[in-house]
N, C-alpha and C. Protein backbone atom coordinates (compact mmCIF):
# COMPACT_ATOMS: atom_id res chain seq x y z
N MET A 1 -38.96 -57.54 24.97
CA MET A 1 -38.83 -56.74 23.76
C MET A 1 -40.04 -56.93 22.84
N GLN A 2 -40.59 -58.15 22.80
CA GLN A 2 -41.73 -58.41 21.95
C GLN A 2 -42.97 -57.66 22.42
N TYR A 3 -43.12 -57.54 23.74
CA TYR A 3 -44.26 -56.83 24.27
C TYR A 3 -44.19 -55.34 23.96
N LEU A 4 -42.98 -54.82 23.98
CA LEU A 4 -42.80 -53.41 23.64
C LEU A 4 -43.17 -53.17 22.18
N ALA A 5 -42.81 -54.09 21.30
CA ALA A 5 -43.16 -53.97 19.89
C ALA A 5 -44.66 -54.04 19.68
N LEU A 6 -45.37 -54.77 20.53
CA LEU A 6 -46.82 -54.83 20.42
C LEU A 6 -47.49 -53.58 21.00
N MET A 7 -46.84 -52.96 21.96
CA MET A 7 -47.42 -51.79 22.60
C MET A 7 -47.39 -50.56 21.70
N ILE A 8 -46.45 -50.47 20.80
CA ILE A 8 -46.29 -49.29 19.95
C ILE A 8 -47.53 -49.04 19.08
N PRO A 9 -48.05 -50.04 18.36
CA PRO A 9 -49.27 -49.76 17.56
C PRO A 9 -50.48 -49.40 18.42
N PHE A 10 -50.61 -50.06 19.57
CA PHE A 10 -51.73 -49.75 20.45
C PHE A 10 -51.62 -48.33 21.00
N ALA A 11 -50.42 -47.95 21.36
CA ALA A 11 -50.22 -46.59 21.86
C ALA A 11 -50.50 -45.58 20.74
N GLY A 12 -50.10 -45.89 19.53
CA GLY A 12 -50.39 -45.00 18.40
C GLY A 12 -51.88 -44.85 18.14
N MET A 13 -52.60 -45.97 18.22
CA MET A 13 -54.05 -45.90 18.02
C MET A 13 -54.72 -45.13 19.15
N ALA A 14 -54.25 -45.35 20.38
CA ALA A 14 -54.82 -44.62 21.51
C ALA A 14 -54.56 -43.12 21.37
N LEU A 15 -53.36 -42.77 20.95
CA LEU A 15 -53.03 -41.36 20.75
C LEU A 15 -53.89 -40.74 19.65
N GLY A 16 -54.07 -41.46 18.55
CA GLY A 16 -54.92 -40.97 17.47
C GLY A 16 -56.36 -40.80 17.91
N GLY A 17 -56.87 -41.74 18.67
CA GLY A 17 -58.24 -41.62 19.19
C GLY A 17 -58.39 -40.45 20.14
N TRP A 18 -57.38 -40.25 20.98
CA TRP A 18 -57.42 -39.13 21.92
C TRP A 18 -57.41 -37.80 21.18
N ILE A 19 -56.60 -37.69 20.13
CA ILE A 19 -56.54 -36.46 19.34
C ILE A 19 -57.88 -36.22 18.65
N ALA A 20 -58.47 -37.26 18.09
CA ALA A 20 -59.77 -37.11 17.41
C ALA A 20 -60.84 -36.69 18.41
N TYR A 21 -60.89 -37.33 19.58
CA TYR A 21 -61.87 -36.99 20.60
C TYR A 21 -61.70 -35.54 21.06
N THR A 22 -60.47 -35.13 21.28
CA THR A 22 -60.21 -33.77 21.75
C THR A 22 -60.63 -32.74 20.71
N SER A 23 -60.32 -33.00 19.44
CA SER A 23 -60.69 -32.03 18.41
C SER A 23 -62.20 -31.96 18.23
N ILE A 24 -62.88 -33.08 18.32
CA ILE A 24 -64.34 -33.08 18.17
C ILE A 24 -65.00 -32.35 19.33
N THR A 25 -64.55 -32.61 20.56
CA THR A 25 -65.14 -31.93 21.70
C THR A 25 -64.82 -30.44 21.70
N ALA A 26 -63.64 -30.06 21.23
CA ALA A 26 -63.29 -28.64 21.15
C ALA A 26 -64.18 -27.92 20.14
N ALA A 27 -64.43 -28.57 19.00
CA ALA A 27 -65.31 -27.96 18.00
C ALA A 27 -66.74 -27.84 18.55
N HIS A 28 -67.18 -28.85 19.29
CA HIS A 28 -68.52 -28.80 19.87
C HIS A 28 -68.61 -27.67 20.90
N ARG A 29 -67.62 -27.54 21.73
CA ARG A 29 -67.62 -26.47 22.74
C ARG A 29 -67.61 -25.09 22.06
N GLU A 30 -66.85 -24.98 20.98
CA GLU A 30 -66.80 -23.70 20.27
C GLU A 30 -68.18 -23.36 19.69
N LYS A 31 -68.85 -24.34 19.10
CA LYS A 31 -70.18 -24.09 18.55
C LYS A 31 -71.18 -23.75 19.65
N MET A 32 -71.09 -24.43 20.78
CA MET A 32 -72.00 -24.13 21.89
C MET A 32 -71.77 -22.72 22.43
N ALA A 33 -70.51 -22.30 22.50
CA ALA A 33 -70.21 -20.94 22.96
C ALA A 33 -70.74 -19.91 21.97
N MET A 34 -70.67 -20.21 20.68
CA MET A 34 -71.20 -19.29 19.68
C MET A 34 -72.72 -19.19 19.80
N ILE A 35 -73.38 -20.32 20.05
CA ILE A 35 -74.84 -20.30 20.20
C ILE A 35 -75.23 -19.49 21.43
N GLU A 36 -74.49 -19.68 22.53
CA GLU A 36 -74.78 -18.93 23.75
C GLU A 36 -74.57 -17.43 23.57
N ALA A 37 -73.61 -17.07 22.69
CA ALA A 37 -73.34 -15.65 22.44
C ALA A 37 -74.30 -15.06 21.42
N GLY A 38 -75.15 -15.90 20.81
CA GLY A 38 -76.13 -15.41 19.84
C GLY A 38 -75.59 -15.34 18.42
N ILE A 39 -74.53 -16.05 18.13
CA ILE A 39 -73.93 -16.07 16.79
C ILE A 39 -74.34 -17.36 16.10
N ASP A 40 -74.66 -17.28 14.82
CA ASP A 40 -75.04 -18.46 14.05
C ASP A 40 -73.77 -19.22 13.65
N PRO A 41 -73.55 -20.45 14.14
CA PRO A 41 -72.32 -21.18 13.81
C PRO A 41 -72.22 -21.57 12.34
N SER A 42 -73.33 -21.82 11.68
CA SER A 42 -73.27 -22.22 10.27
C SER A 42 -72.75 -21.08 9.40
N ARG A 43 -73.06 -19.86 9.77
CA ARG A 43 -72.56 -18.71 9.01
C ARG A 43 -71.05 -18.57 9.13
N GLU A 44 -70.53 -18.81 10.33
CA GLU A 44 -69.09 -18.75 10.54
C GLU A 44 -68.37 -19.85 9.78
N GLU A 45 -68.97 -21.05 9.72
CA GLU A 45 -68.36 -22.16 9.00
C GLU A 45 -68.29 -21.85 7.51
N ASN A 46 -69.34 -21.22 6.98
CA ASN A 46 -69.33 -20.87 5.56
C ASN A 46 -68.24 -19.86 5.24
N GLU A 47 -67.99 -18.93 6.15
CA GLU A 47 -66.93 -17.95 5.94
C GLU A 47 -65.55 -18.62 5.94
N LYS A 48 -65.37 -19.61 6.80
CA LYS A 48 -64.09 -20.31 6.87
C LYS A 48 -63.86 -21.17 5.63
N LYS A 49 -64.92 -21.79 5.13
CA LYS A 49 -64.79 -22.72 4.01
C LYS A 49 -64.86 -22.03 2.65
N LYS A 50 -64.96 -20.72 2.65
CA LYS A 50 -65.18 -19.99 1.41
C LYS A 50 -64.04 -20.19 0.40
N TYR A 51 -62.81 -20.24 0.88
CA TYR A 51 -61.66 -20.31 -0.02
C TYR A 51 -60.99 -21.69 -0.02
N ASN A 52 -61.65 -22.71 0.53
CA ASN A 52 -61.06 -24.05 0.52
C ASN A 52 -60.90 -24.60 -0.89
N LYS A 53 -61.85 -24.33 -1.76
CA LYS A 53 -61.76 -24.84 -3.12
C LYS A 53 -60.61 -24.20 -3.87
N LEU A 54 -60.40 -22.92 -3.65
CA LEU A 54 -59.29 -22.22 -4.28
C LEU A 54 -57.96 -22.82 -3.81
N ARG A 55 -57.84 -23.04 -2.51
CA ARG A 55 -56.60 -23.60 -1.96
C ARG A 55 -56.35 -25.00 -2.51
N THR A 56 -57.40 -25.82 -2.55
CA THR A 56 -57.26 -27.18 -3.05
C THR A 56 -56.90 -27.19 -4.53
N ALA A 57 -57.53 -26.33 -5.30
CA ALA A 57 -57.23 -26.27 -6.74
C ALA A 57 -55.79 -25.85 -6.99
N LEU A 58 -55.33 -24.84 -6.26
CA LEU A 58 -53.95 -24.41 -6.44
C LEU A 58 -52.96 -25.50 -6.04
N LEU A 59 -53.27 -26.23 -4.98
CA LEU A 59 -52.39 -27.33 -4.59
C LEU A 59 -52.37 -28.43 -5.65
N PHE A 60 -53.55 -28.78 -6.18
CA PHE A 60 -53.62 -29.84 -7.19
C PHE A 60 -52.96 -29.42 -8.50
N ILE A 61 -52.83 -28.15 -8.73
CA ILE A 61 -52.18 -27.68 -9.95
C ILE A 61 -50.68 -27.54 -9.75
N LEU A 62 -50.26 -26.90 -8.65
CA LEU A 62 -48.85 -26.55 -8.49
C LEU A 62 -47.98 -27.68 -7.95
N VAL A 63 -48.51 -28.60 -7.15
CA VAL A 63 -47.68 -29.71 -6.65
C VAL A 63 -47.23 -30.63 -7.79
N PRO A 64 -48.12 -31.05 -8.71
CA PRO A 64 -47.61 -31.84 -9.84
C PRO A 64 -46.63 -31.06 -10.73
N ILE A 65 -46.83 -29.75 -10.84
CA ILE A 65 -45.85 -28.95 -11.59
C ILE A 65 -44.51 -28.99 -10.87
N GLY A 66 -44.52 -28.95 -9.54
CA GLY A 66 -43.28 -29.06 -8.77
C GLY A 66 -42.61 -30.40 -8.97
N ILE A 67 -43.39 -31.47 -9.02
CA ILE A 67 -42.82 -32.79 -9.27
C ILE A 67 -42.20 -32.84 -10.66
N LEU A 68 -42.90 -32.27 -11.64
CA LEU A 68 -42.37 -32.24 -13.01
C LEU A 68 -41.08 -31.43 -13.08
N VAL A 69 -41.05 -30.28 -12.43
CA VAL A 69 -39.83 -29.46 -12.43
C VAL A 69 -38.70 -30.22 -11.75
N GLY A 70 -38.99 -30.93 -10.68
CA GLY A 70 -37.97 -31.74 -10.02
C GLY A 70 -37.44 -32.84 -10.92
N GLN A 71 -38.33 -33.48 -11.68
CA GLN A 71 -37.90 -34.52 -12.60
C GLN A 71 -37.01 -33.96 -13.72
N LEU A 72 -37.36 -32.76 -14.17
CA LEU A 72 -36.62 -32.17 -15.29
C LEU A 72 -35.29 -31.55 -14.87
N THR A 73 -35.17 -31.11 -13.63
CA THR A 73 -33.98 -30.37 -13.22
C THR A 73 -33.09 -31.11 -12.22
N HIS A 74 -33.33 -32.38 -11.98
CA HIS A 74 -32.54 -33.07 -10.96
C HIS A 74 -31.07 -33.17 -11.34
N GLU A 75 -30.77 -33.25 -12.60
CA GLU A 75 -29.36 -33.30 -13.02
C GLU A 75 -28.69 -31.94 -12.87
N MET A 76 -29.42 -30.87 -13.12
CA MET A 76 -28.86 -29.54 -13.03
C MET A 76 -28.43 -29.21 -11.60
N PHE A 77 -29.17 -29.69 -10.61
CA PHE A 77 -28.85 -29.41 -9.22
C PHE A 77 -28.05 -30.54 -8.57
N ALA A 78 -27.66 -31.54 -9.32
CA ALA A 78 -26.89 -32.69 -8.83
C ALA A 78 -27.59 -33.35 -7.64
N MET A 79 -28.90 -33.58 -7.79
CA MET A 79 -29.70 -34.23 -6.75
C MET A 79 -30.21 -35.55 -7.29
N GLU A 80 -30.61 -36.42 -6.37
CA GLU A 80 -31.26 -37.65 -6.81
C GLU A 80 -32.65 -37.32 -7.36
N ASP A 81 -33.15 -38.21 -8.17
CA ASP A 81 -34.43 -37.97 -8.84
C ASP A 81 -35.57 -37.78 -7.84
N ALA A 82 -35.69 -38.68 -6.88
CA ALA A 82 -36.78 -38.60 -5.91
C ALA A 82 -36.63 -37.40 -4.99
N THR A 83 -35.40 -37.10 -4.59
CA THR A 83 -35.17 -35.96 -3.70
C THR A 83 -35.55 -34.65 -4.38
N ALA A 84 -35.20 -34.51 -5.62
CA ALA A 84 -35.54 -33.28 -6.36
C ALA A 84 -37.05 -33.15 -6.51
N SER A 85 -37.73 -34.26 -6.80
CA SER A 85 -39.19 -34.21 -6.97
C SER A 85 -39.88 -33.81 -5.68
N VAL A 86 -39.47 -34.41 -4.57
CA VAL A 86 -40.10 -34.08 -3.29
C VAL A 86 -39.80 -32.64 -2.90
N THR A 87 -38.55 -32.21 -3.10
CA THR A 87 -38.17 -30.85 -2.75
C THR A 87 -38.98 -29.83 -3.53
N PHE A 88 -39.05 -30.01 -4.83
CA PHE A 88 -39.79 -29.04 -5.65
C PHE A 88 -41.30 -29.13 -5.42
N SER A 89 -41.82 -30.32 -5.09
CA SER A 89 -43.25 -30.41 -4.81
C SER A 89 -43.58 -29.64 -3.53
N PHE A 90 -42.70 -29.71 -2.51
CA PHE A 90 -42.94 -28.92 -1.30
C PHE A 90 -42.80 -27.43 -1.57
N ILE A 91 -41.83 -27.05 -2.38
CA ILE A 91 -41.65 -25.63 -2.71
C ILE A 91 -42.88 -25.10 -3.44
N PHE A 92 -43.32 -25.82 -4.45
CA PHE A 92 -44.48 -25.37 -5.22
C PHE A 92 -45.77 -25.47 -4.40
N GLY A 93 -45.86 -26.44 -3.49
CA GLY A 93 -47.01 -26.52 -2.59
C GLY A 93 -47.06 -25.32 -1.66
N GLY A 94 -45.91 -24.90 -1.15
CA GLY A 94 -45.85 -23.70 -0.32
C GLY A 94 -46.23 -22.46 -1.09
N ILE A 95 -45.78 -22.39 -2.33
CA ILE A 95 -46.15 -21.26 -3.18
C ILE A 95 -47.67 -21.25 -3.41
N ALA A 96 -48.26 -22.44 -3.60
CA ALA A 96 -49.71 -22.52 -3.82
C ALA A 96 -50.47 -22.05 -2.58
N LEU A 97 -50.02 -22.46 -1.39
CA LEU A 97 -50.71 -22.04 -0.17
C LEU A 97 -50.55 -20.55 0.07
N ALA A 98 -49.37 -20.01 -0.19
CA ALA A 98 -49.17 -18.57 -0.02
C ALA A 98 -50.03 -17.80 -1.01
N LEU A 99 -50.09 -18.26 -2.25
CA LEU A 99 -50.90 -17.61 -3.28
C LEU A 99 -52.38 -17.66 -2.90
N ALA A 100 -52.84 -18.80 -2.38
CA ALA A 100 -54.24 -18.90 -1.96
C ALA A 100 -54.53 -17.96 -0.81
N HIS A 101 -53.59 -17.83 0.10
CA HIS A 101 -53.77 -16.92 1.24
C HIS A 101 -53.90 -15.48 0.76
N PHE A 102 -52.99 -15.05 -0.12
CA PHE A 102 -53.04 -13.67 -0.58
C PHE A 102 -54.27 -13.40 -1.44
N LEU A 103 -54.68 -14.38 -2.24
CA LEU A 103 -55.90 -14.21 -3.03
C LEU A 103 -57.14 -14.14 -2.14
N SER A 104 -57.16 -14.93 -1.06
CA SER A 104 -58.30 -14.86 -0.14
C SER A 104 -58.34 -13.53 0.60
N LEU A 105 -57.17 -13.01 0.97
CA LEU A 105 -57.15 -11.69 1.61
C LEU A 105 -57.63 -10.61 0.65
N LYS A 106 -57.22 -10.70 -0.61
CA LYS A 106 -57.66 -9.73 -1.61
C LYS A 106 -59.18 -9.83 -1.82
N GLY A 107 -59.69 -11.06 -1.88
CA GLY A 107 -61.13 -11.25 -2.04
C GLY A 107 -61.94 -10.74 -0.87
N GLU A 108 -61.43 -10.96 0.34
CA GLU A 108 -62.13 -10.45 1.52
C GLU A 108 -62.10 -8.92 1.56
N LYS A 109 -60.98 -8.34 1.14
CA LYS A 109 -60.86 -6.89 1.14
C LYS A 109 -61.83 -6.28 0.13
N GLU A 110 -61.95 -6.89 -1.06
CA GLU A 110 -62.87 -6.39 -2.07
C GLU A 110 -64.32 -6.61 -1.62
N HIS A 111 -64.57 -7.71 -0.90
CA HIS A 111 -65.92 -7.99 -0.42
C HIS A 111 -66.36 -7.00 0.64
N ASN A 112 -65.42 -6.54 1.46
CA ASN A 112 -65.76 -5.60 2.53
C ASN A 112 -65.92 -4.16 2.04
N LEU A 113 -65.39 -3.85 0.87
CA LEU A 113 -65.52 -2.46 0.36
C LEU A 113 -66.88 -2.15 -0.13
């Protein structure tokens, strides 16, 4: 039983390393395929990262608001304090991600016109 308890962290680290290696090699292969096709990979990366700041800002604004709403309304919903905070932080985080998605779609549509 003791050996099994020691194997769990090692297996977790091995799994994490394998996931990191796989993602890095996949990104490298994708960039190499883009270069072979004559596409500039740095330009594609800039297009992907264009709305990351918007998404991050909305998350940093709306998740604490969700925690605050959970703290203020936990008695109204007959929930525990921590449960209400986590629930509302996930709800407001989802709203932030959806809002960022729709704003990025609107921005891309205006940019293409």
